[in-house]
């Protein structure tokens, strides 16, 4: 399960591999965002710029993709 070492978030994360579709100061940190359950499985994923193959690969390999905290923007993510 992912957890942010900075703020403790263990629910919602983005991917540095998929930049935001329209980068703005108040926009999302990523074009691919996922929510995780208590066991570390993806429960929901939103793609705002990733193609279908990238989205599918991220679903199957979340450790390789989700590396940015959606709450605080930290890249210090710990996977248990």
PDB file of N, CA and C in Angstrom:
ATOM      1  N   UNK A   1       0.850  -1.170   0.000  1.00  0.00           N
ATOM      2  CA  UNK A   1       0.000   0.000   0.000  1.00  0.00           C
ATOM      3  C   UNK A   1       0.896   1.233   0.000  1.00  0.00           C
ATOM      4  N   UNK A   2       0.559   2.243  -0.814  1.00  0.00           N
ATOM      5  CA  UNK A   2       1.343   3.479  -0.807  1.00  0.00           C
ATOM      6  C   UNK A   2       0.986   4.355   0.389  1.00  0.00           C
ATOM      7  N   UNK A   3       1.985   5.109   0.848  1.00  0.00           N
ATOM      8  CA  UNK A   3       1.774   6.067   1.931  1.00  0.00           C
ATOM      9  C   UNK A   3       2.746   7.221   1.723  1.00  0.00           C
ATOM     10  N   UNK A   4       2.268   8.425   1.907  1.00  0.00           N
ATOM     11  CA  UNK A   4       3.109   9.609   1.792  1.00  0.00           C
ATOM     12  C   UNK A   4       3.910   9.775   3.076  1.00  0.00           C
ATOM     13  N   UNK A   5       5.235   9.847   2.960  1.00  0.00           N
ATOM     14  CA  UNK A   5       6.096  10.013   4.128  1.00  0.00           C
ATOM     15  C   UNK A   5       5.986  11.421   4.707  1.00  0.00           C
ATOM     16  N   UNK A   6       5.454  12.348   3.941  1.00  0.00           N
ATOM     17  CA  UNK A   6       5.357  13.732   4.403  1.00  0.00           C
ATOM     18  C   UNK A   6       4.067  13.999   5.179  1.00  0.00           C
ATOM     19  N   UNK A   7       2.916  13.619   4.602  1.00  0.00           N
ATOM     20  CA  UNK A   7       1.641  13.957   5.242  1.00  0.00           C
ATOM     21  C   UNK A   7       0.863  12.746   5.759  1.00  0.00           C
ATOM     22  N   UNK A   8       1.288  11.537   5.407  1.00  0.00           N
ATOM     23  CA  UNK A   8       0.615  10.338   5.890  1.00  0.00           C
ATOM     24  C   UNK A   8      -0.533   9.853   5.017  1.00  0.00           C
ATOM     25  N   UNK A   9      -0.829  10.552   3.933  1.00  0.00           N
ATOM     26  CA  UNK A   9      -1.893  10.136   3.021  1.00  0.00           C
ATOM     27  C   UNK A   9      -1.645   8.698   2.555  1.00  0.00           C
ATOM     28  N   UNK A  10      -2.685   7.885   2.591  1.00  0.00           N
ATOM     29  CA  UNK A  10      -2.579   6.526   2.066  1.00  0.00           C
ATOM     30  C   UNK A  10      -3.765   6.199   1.153  1.00  0.00           C
ATOM     31  N   UNK A  11      -4.348   7.241   0.594  1.00  0.00           N
ATOM     32  CA  UNK A  11      -5.561   7.066  -0.192  1.00  0.00           C
ATOM     33  C   UNK A  11      -5.416   7.446  -1.671  1.00  0.00           C
ATOM     34  N   UNK A  12      -4.946   8.636  -1.976  1.00  0.00           N
ATOM     35  CA  UNK A  12      -4.983   9.147  -3.343  1.00  0.00           C
ATOM     36  C   UNK A  12      -3.599   9.595  -3.817  1.00  0.00           C
ATOM     37  N   UNK A  13      -3.205   9.094  -5.017  1.00  0.00           N
ATOM     38  CA  UNK A  13      -1.876   9.360  -5.558  1.00  0.00           C
ATOM     39  C   UNK A  13      -1.929   9.613  -7.059  1.00  0.00           C
ATOM     40  N   UNK A  14      -0.946  10.360  -7.536  1.00  0.00           N
ATOM     41  CA  UNK A  14      -0.809  10.635  -8.954  1.00  0.00           C
ATOM     42  C   UNK A  14       0.469  10.024  -9.488  1.00  0.00           C
ATOM     43  N   UNK A  15       0.674  10.179 -10.791  1.00  0.00           N
ATOM     44  CA  UNK A  15       1.833   9.608 -11.462  1.00  0.00           C
ATOM     45  C   UNK A  15       2.651  10.698 -12.154  1.00  0.00           C
ATOM     46  N   UNK A  16       3.956  10.739 -11.860  1.00  0.00           N
ATOM     47  CA  UNK A  16       4.835  11.674 -12.546  1.00  0.00           C
ATOM     48  C   UNK A  16       5.010  11.306 -14.019  1.00  0.00           C
ATOM     49  N   UNK A  17       4.721  10.058 -14.364  1.00  0.00           N
ATOM     50  CA  UNK A  17       4.875   9.605 -15.742  1.00  0.00           C
ATOM     51  C   UNK A  17       3.817  10.177 -16.674  1.00  0.00           C
ATOM     52  N   UNK A  18       2.722  10.683 -16.112  1.00  0.00           N
ATOM     53  CA  UNK A  18       1.635  11.238 -16.914  1.00  0.00           C
ATOM     54  C   UNK A  18       1.406  12.684 -16.465  1.00  0.00           C
ATOM     55  N   UNK A  19       1.923  13.642 -17.214  1.00  0.00           N
ATOM     56  CA  UNK A  19       1.744  15.043 -16.822  1.00  0.00           C
ATOM     57  C   UNK A  19       0.280  15.466 -16.914  1.00  0.00           C
ATOM     58  N   UNK A  20      -0.087  16.507 -16.164  1.00  0.00           N
ATOM     59  CA  UNK A  20      -1.463  17.000 -16.241  1.00  0.00           C
ATOM     60  C   UNK A  20      -1.821  17.402 -17.675  1.00  0.00           C
ATOM     61  N   UNK A  21      -3.067  17.196 -18.042  1.00  0.00           N
ATOM     62  CA  UNK A  21      -3.511  17.543 -19.395  1.00  0.00           C
ATOM     63  C   UNK A  21      -3.387  19.041 -19.645  1.00  0.00           C
ATOM     64  N   UNK A  22      -3.654  19.849 -18.635  1.00  0.00           N
ATOM     65  CA  UNK A  22      -3.555  21.308 -18.734  1.00  0.00           C
ATOM     66  C   UNK A  22      -2.908  21.829 -17.457  1.00  0.00           C
ATOM     67  N   UNK A  23      -1.574  21.869 -17.417  1.00  0.00           N
ATOM     68  CA  UNK A  23      -0.896  22.297 -16.195  1.00  0.00           C
ATOM     69  C   UNK A  23      -1.259  23.727 -15.787  1.00  0.00           C
ATOM     70  N   UNK A  24      -1.726  23.871 -14.573  1.00  0.00           N
ATOM     71  CA  UNK A  24      -2.040  25.186 -14.014  1.00  0.00           C
ATOM     72  C   UNK A  24      -1.598  25.202 -12.564  1.00  0.00           C
ATOM     73  N   UNK A  25      -1.550  26.372 -11.986  1.00  0.00           N
ATOM     74  CA  UNK A  25      -1.109  26.500 -10.595  1.00  0.00           C
ATOM     75  C   UNK A  25      -2.019  25.741  -9.639  1.00  0.00           C
ATOM     76  N   UNK A  26      -3.300  25.681  -9.928  1.00  0.00           N
ATOM     77  CA  UNK A  26      -4.247  25.014  -9.034  1.00  0.00           C
ATOM     78  C   UNK A  26      -4.782  23.707  -9.599  1.00  0.00           C
ATOM     79  N   UNK A  27      -4.154  23.199 -10.653  1.00  0.00           N
ATOM     80  CA  UNK A  27      -4.616  21.975 -11.287  1.00  0.00           C
ATOM     81  C   UNK A  27      -4.118  20.729 -10.583  1.00  0.00           C
ATOM     82  N   UNK A  28      -4.503  19.572 -11.080  1.00  0.00           N
ATOM     83  CA  UNK A  28      -4.062  18.313 -10.474  1.00  0.00           C
ATOM     84  C   UNK A  28      -2.556  18.105 -10.666  1.00  0.00           C
ATOM     85  N   UNK A  29      -1.956  17.282  -9.804  1.00  0.00           N
ATOM     86  CA  UNK A  29      -0.523  17.016  -9.865  1.00  0.00           C
ATOM     87  C   UNK A  29      -0.169  16.052 -10.992  1.00  0.00           C
ATOM     88  N   UNK A  30      -1.165  15.426 -11.587  1.00  0.00           N
ATOM     89  CA  UNK A  30      -0.914  14.392 -12.577  1.00  0.00           C
ATOM     90  C   UNK A  30      -2.110  14.226 -13.501  1.00  0.00           C
ATOM     91  N   UNK A  31      -1.861  13.626 -14.651  1.00  0.00           N
ATOM     92  CA  UNK A  31      -2.934  13.288 -15.569  1.00  0.00           C
ATOM     93  C   UNK A  31      -3.499  11.906 -15.304  1.00  0.00           C
ATOM     94  N   UNK A  32      -2.979  11.235 -14.274  1.00  0.00           N
ATOM     95  CA  UNK A  32      -3.452   9.906 -13.892  1.00  0.00           C
ATOM     96  C   UNK A  32      -3.469   9.843 -12.369  1.00  0.00           C
ATOM     97  N   UNK A  33      -4.649   9.675 -11.809  1.00  0.00           N
ATOM     98  CA  UNK A  33      -4.830   9.695 -10.358  1.00  0.00           C
ATOM     99  C   UNK A  33      -5.581   8.431  -9.942  1.00  0.00           C
ATOM    100  N   UNK A  34      -5.125   7.827  -8.834  1.00  0.00           N
ATOM    101  CA  UNK A  34      -5.787   6.614  -8.345  1.00  0.00           C
ATOM    102  C   UNK A  34      -6.052   6.717  -6.856  1.00  0.00           C
ATOM    103  N   UNK A  35      -7.155   6.098  -6.457  1.00  0.00           N
ATOM    104  CA  UNK A  35      -7.494   5.953  -5.040  1.00  0.00           C
ATOM    105  C   UNK A  35      -7.269   4.499  -4.660  1.00  0.00           C
ATOM    106  N   UNK A  36      -6.764   4.293  -3.451  1.00  0.00           N
ATOM    107  CA  UNK A  36      -6.416   2.961  -2.970  1.00  0.00           C
ATOM    108  C   UNK A  36      -7.225   2.596  -1.729  1.00  0.00           C
ATOM    109  N   UNK A  37      -7.460   1.289  -1.544  1.00  0.00           N
ATOM    110  CA  UNK A  37      -8.131   0.829  -0.325  1.00  0.00           C
ATOM    111  C   UNK A  37      -7.089   0.505   0.742  1.00  0.00           C
ATOM    112  N   UNK A  38      -7.536  -0.001   1.894  1.00  0.00           N
ATOM    113  CA  UNK A  38      -6.657  -0.285   3.019  1.00  0.00           C
ATOM    114  C   UNK A  38      -5.639  -1.379   2.718  1.00  0.00           C
ATOM    115  N   UNK A  39      -5.920  -2.212   1.736  1.00  0.00           N
ATOM    116  CA  UNK A  39      -5.024  -3.304   1.379  1.00  0.00           C
ATOM    117  C   UNK A  39      -4.062  -2.934   0.258  1.00  0.00           C
ATOM    118  N   UNK A  40      -4.179  -1.713  -0.266  1.00  0.00           N
ATOM    119  CA  UNK A  40      -3.268  -1.257  -1.314  1.00  0.00           C
ATOM    120  C   UNK A  40      -3.751  -1.511  -2.724  1.00  0.00           C
ATOM    121  N   UNK A  41      -5.007  -1.891  -2.885  1.00  0.00           N
ATOM    122  CA  UNK A  41      -5.557  -2.122  -4.221  1.00  0.00           C
ATOM    123  C   UNK A  41      -6.229  -0.856  -4.733  1.00  0.00           C
ATOM    124  N   UNK A  42      -6.118  -0.624  -6.009  1.00  0.00           N
ATOM    125  CA  UNK A  42      -6.779   0.523  -6.622  1.00  0.00           C
ATOM    126  C   UNK A  42      -8.286   0.305  -6.601  1.00  0.00           C
ATOM    127  N   UNK A  43      -9.007   1.302  -6.122  1.00  0.00           N
ATOM    128  CA  UNK A  43     -10.470   1.226  -6.100  1.00  0.00           C
ATOM    129  C   UNK A  43     -11.078   2.106  -7.183  1.00  0.00           C
ATOM    130  N   UNK A  44     -10.321   3.109  -7.605  1.00  0.00           N
ATOM    131  CA  UNK A  44     -10.830   4.068  -8.582  1.00  0.00           C
ATOM    132  C   UNK A  44      -9.628   4.739  -9.243  1.00  0.00           C
ATOM    133  N   UNK A  45      -9.733   4.987 -10.545  1.00  0.00           N
ATOM    134  CA  UNK A  45      -8.655   5.656 -11.254  1.00  0.00           C
ATOM    135  C   UNK A  45      -9.255   6.640 -12.248  1.00  0.00           C
ATOM    136  N   UNK A  46      -8.658   7.831 -12.308  1.00  0.00           N
ATOM    137  CA  UNK A  46      -9.117   8.864 -13.235  1.00  0.00           C
ATOM    138  C   UNK A  46      -7.969   9.239 -14.160  1.00  0.00           C
ATOM    139  N   UNK A  47      -8.222   9.143 -15.447  1.00  0.00           N
ATOM    140  CA  UNK A  47      -7.215   9.477 -16.446  1.00  0.00           C
ATOM    141  C   UNK A  47      -7.584  10.792 -17.124  1.00  0.00           C
ATOM    142  N   UNK A  48      -6.686  11.747 -17.002  1.00  0.00           N
ATOM    143  CA  UNK A  48      -6.896  13.057 -17.616  1.00  0.00           C
ATOM    144  C   UNK A  48      -5.763  13.363 -18.591  1.00  0.00           C
ATOM    145  N   UNK A  49      -5.315  12.369 -19.313  1.00  0.00           N
ATOM    146  CA  UNK A  49      -4.227  12.588 -20.243  1.00  0.00           C
ATOM    147  C   UNK A  49      -3.472  11.327 -20.610  1.00  0.00           C
ATOM    148  N   UNK A  50      -3.746  10.233 -19.937  1.00  0.00           N
ATOM    149  CA  UNK A  50      -3.075   8.974 -20.248  1.00  0.00           C
ATOM    150  C   UNK A  50      -3.874   8.205 -21.292  1.00  0.00           C
ATOM    151  N   UNK A  51      -3.159   7.542 -22.189  1.00  0.00           N
ATOM    152  CA  UNK A  51      -3.861   6.709 -23.166  1.00  0.00           C
ATOM    153  C   UNK A  51      -4.307   5.410 -22.494  1.00  0.00           C
ATOM    154  N   UNK A  52      -5.098   4.630 -23.185  1.00  0.00           N
ATOM    155  CA  UNK A  52      -5.695   3.421 -22.616  1.00  0.00           C
ATOM    156  C   UNK A  52      -4.632   2.395 -22.227  1.00  0.00           C
ATOM    157  N   UNK A  53      -3.554   2.285 -23.006  1.00  0.00           N
ATOM    158  CA  UNK A  53      -2.503   1.317 -22.683  1.00  0.00           C
ATOM    159  C   UNK A  53      -1.764   1.709 -21.406  1.00  0.00           C
ATOM    160  N   UNK A  54      -1.485   2.992 -21.243  1.00  0.00           N
ATOM    161  CA  UNK A  54      -0.821   3.471 -20.031  1.00  0.00           C
ATOM    162  C   UNK A  54      -1.729   3.289 -18.830  1.00  0.00           C
ATOM    163  N   UNK A  55      -2.996   3.597 -18.989  1.00  0.00           N
ATOM    164  CA  UNK A  55      -3.955   3.438 -17.908  1.00  0.00           C
ATOM    165  C   UNK A  55      -4.049   1.982 -17.472  1.00  0.00           C
ATOM    166  N   UNK A  56      -4.116   1.079 -18.407  1.00  0.00           N
ATOM    167  CA  UNK A  56      -4.194  -0.347 -18.093  1.00  0.00           C
ATOM    168  C   UNK A  56      -2.915  -0.818 -17.396  1.00  0.00           C
ATOM    169  N   UNK A  57      -1.765  -0.376 -17.900  1.00  0.00           N
ATOM    170  CA  UNK A  57      -0.498  -0.768 -17.288  1.00  0.00           C
ATOM    171  C   UNK A  57      -0.394  -0.232 -15.862  1.00  0.00           C
ATOM    172  N   UNK A  58      -0.863   0.985 -15.632  1.00  0.00           N
ATOM    173  CA  UNK A  58      -0.843   1.568 -14.293  1.00  0.00           C
ATOM    174  C   UNK A  58      -1.743   0.770 -13.352  1.00  0.00           C
ATOM    175  N   UNK A  59      -2.895   0.332 -13.849  1.00  0.00           N
ATOM    176  CA  UNK A  59      -3.818  -0.468 -13.026  1.00  0.00           C
ATOM    177  C   UNK A  59      -3.143  -1.778 -12.613  1.00  0.00           C
ATOM    178  N   UNK A  60      -2.405  -2.378 -13.533  1.00  0.00           N
ATOM    179  CA  UNK A  60      -1.765  -3.664 -13.278  1.00  0.00           C
ATOM    180  C   UNK A  60      -0.448  -3.541 -12.512  1.00  0.00           C
ATOM    181  N   UNK A  61       0.206  -2.372 -12.587  1.00  0.00           N
ATOM    182  CA  UNK A  61       1.511  -2.161 -11.958  1.00  0.00           C
ATOM    183  C   UNK A  61       1.553  -0.834 -11.199  1.00  0.00           C
ATOM    184  N   UNK A  62       0.727  -0.674 -10.185  1.00  0.00           N
ATOM    185  CA  UNK A  62       0.621   0.627  -9.517  1.00  0.00           C
ATOM    186  C   UNK A  62       1.922   1.119  -8.893  1.00  0.00           C
ATOM    187  N   UNK A  63       2.781   0.236  -8.422  1.00  0.00           N
ATOM    188  CA  UNK A  63       4.052   0.653  -7.808  1.00  0.00           C
ATOM    189  C   UNK A  63       4.944   1.397  -8.802  1.00  0.00           C
ATOM    190  N   UNK A  64       4.818   1.061 -10.067  1.00  0.00           N
ATOM    191  CA  UNK A  64       5.645   1.696 -11.087  1.00  0.00           C
ATOM    192  C   UNK A  64       5.114   3.067 -11.502  1.00  0.00           C
ATOM    193  N   UNK A  65       3.887   3.370 -11.173  1.00  0.00           N
ATOM    194  CA  UNK A  65       3.260   4.600 -11.652  1.00  0.00           C
ATOM    195  C   UNK A  65       2.958   5.628 -10.570  1.00  0.00           C
ATOM    196  N   UNK A  66       2.362   5.214  -9.482  1.00  0.00           N
ATOM    197  CA  UNK A  66       1.822   6.176  -8.522  1.00  0.00           C
ATOM    198  C   UNK A  66       2.886   6.575  -7.502  1.00  0.00           C
ATOM    199  N   UNK A  67       3.454   7.760  -7.749  1.00  0.00           N
ATOM    200  CA  UNK A  67       4.623   8.210  -7.003  1.00  0.00           C
ATOM    201  C   UNK A  67       4.534   9.662  -6.545  1.00  0.00           C
ATOM    202  N   UNK A  68       3.326  10.234  -6.569  1.00  0.00           N
ATOM    203  CA  UNK A  68       3.118  11.613  -6.119  1.00  0.00           C
ATOM    204  C   UNK A  68       1.876  11.646  -5.231  1.00  0.00           C
ATOM    205  N   UNK A  69       2.019  12.227  -4.045  1.00  0.00           N
ATOM    206  CA  UNK A  69       0.884  12.357  -3.133  1.00  0.00           C
ATOM    207  C   UNK A  69      -0.105  13.374  -3.694  1.00  0.00           C
ATOM    208  N   UNK A  70      -1.358  12.986  -3.810  1.00  0.00           N
ATOM    209  CA  UNK A  70      -2.385  13.889  -4.327  1.00  0.00           C
ATOM    210  C   UNK A  70      -2.786  14.929  -3.286  1.00  0.00           C
ATOM    211  N   UNK A  71      -2.519  14.663  -2.019  1.00  0.00           N
ATOM    212  CA  UNK A  71      -2.872  15.596  -0.954  1.00  0.00           C
ATOM    213  C   UNK A  71      -1.878  16.749  -0.837  1.00  0.00           C
ATOM    214  N   UNK A  72      -0.578  16.443  -0.767  1.00  0.00           N
ATOM    215  CA  UNK A  72       0.417  17.491  -0.513  1.00  0.00           C
ATOM    216  C   UNK A  72       1.416  17.696  -1.643  1.00  0.00           C
ATOM    217  N   UNK A  73       1.412  16.821  -2.652  1.00  0.00           N
ATOM    218  CA  UNK A  73       2.318  16.964  -3.785  1.00  0.00           C
ATOM    219  C   UNK A  73       3.698  16.375  -3.577  1.00  0.00           C
ATOM    220  N   UNK A  74       3.942  15.753  -2.433  1.00  0.00           N
ATOM    221  CA  UNK A  74       5.246  15.167  -2.146  1.00  0.00           C
ATOM    222  C   UNK A  74       5.514  13.978  -3.059  1.00  0.00           C
ATOM    223  N   UNK A  75       6.797  13.799  -3.363  1.00  0.00           N
ATOM    224  CA  UNK A  75       7.219  12.653  -4.158  1.00  0.00           C
ATOM    225  C   UNK A  75       7.884  11.597  -3.277  1.00  0.00           C
ATOM    226  N   UNK A  76       7.786  11.773  -1.973  1.00  0.00           N
ATOM    227  CA  UNK A  76       8.362  10.846  -1.005  1.00  0.00           C
ATOM    228  C   UNK A  76       7.306   9.811  -0.612  1.00  0.00           C
ATOM    229  N   UNK A  77       7.098   8.833  -1.497  1.00  0.00           N
ATOM    230  CA  UNK A  77       6.064   7.819  -1.313  1.00  0.00           C
ATOM    231  C   UNK A  77       6.704   6.501  -0.895  1.00  0.00           C
ATOM    232  N   UNK A  78       6.143   5.897   0.127  1.00  0.00           N
ATOM    233  CA  UNK A  78       6.624   4.612   0.629  1.00  0.00           C
ATOM    234  C   UNK A  78       5.594   3.546   0.265  1.00  0.00           C
ATOM    235  N   UNK A  79       6.060   2.475  -0.339  1.00  0.00           N
ATOM    236  CA  UNK A  79       5.188   1.343  -0.657  1.00  0.00           C
ATOM    237  C   UNK A  79       5.489   0.214   0.312  1.00  0.00           C
ATOM    238  N   UNK A  80       4.472  -0.278   0.992  1.00  0.00           N
ATOM    239  CA  UNK A  80       4.631  -1.410   1.924  1.00  0.00           C
ATOM    240  C   UNK A  80       4.307  -2.703   1.239  1.00  0.00           C
TER     241      UNK A  80
END
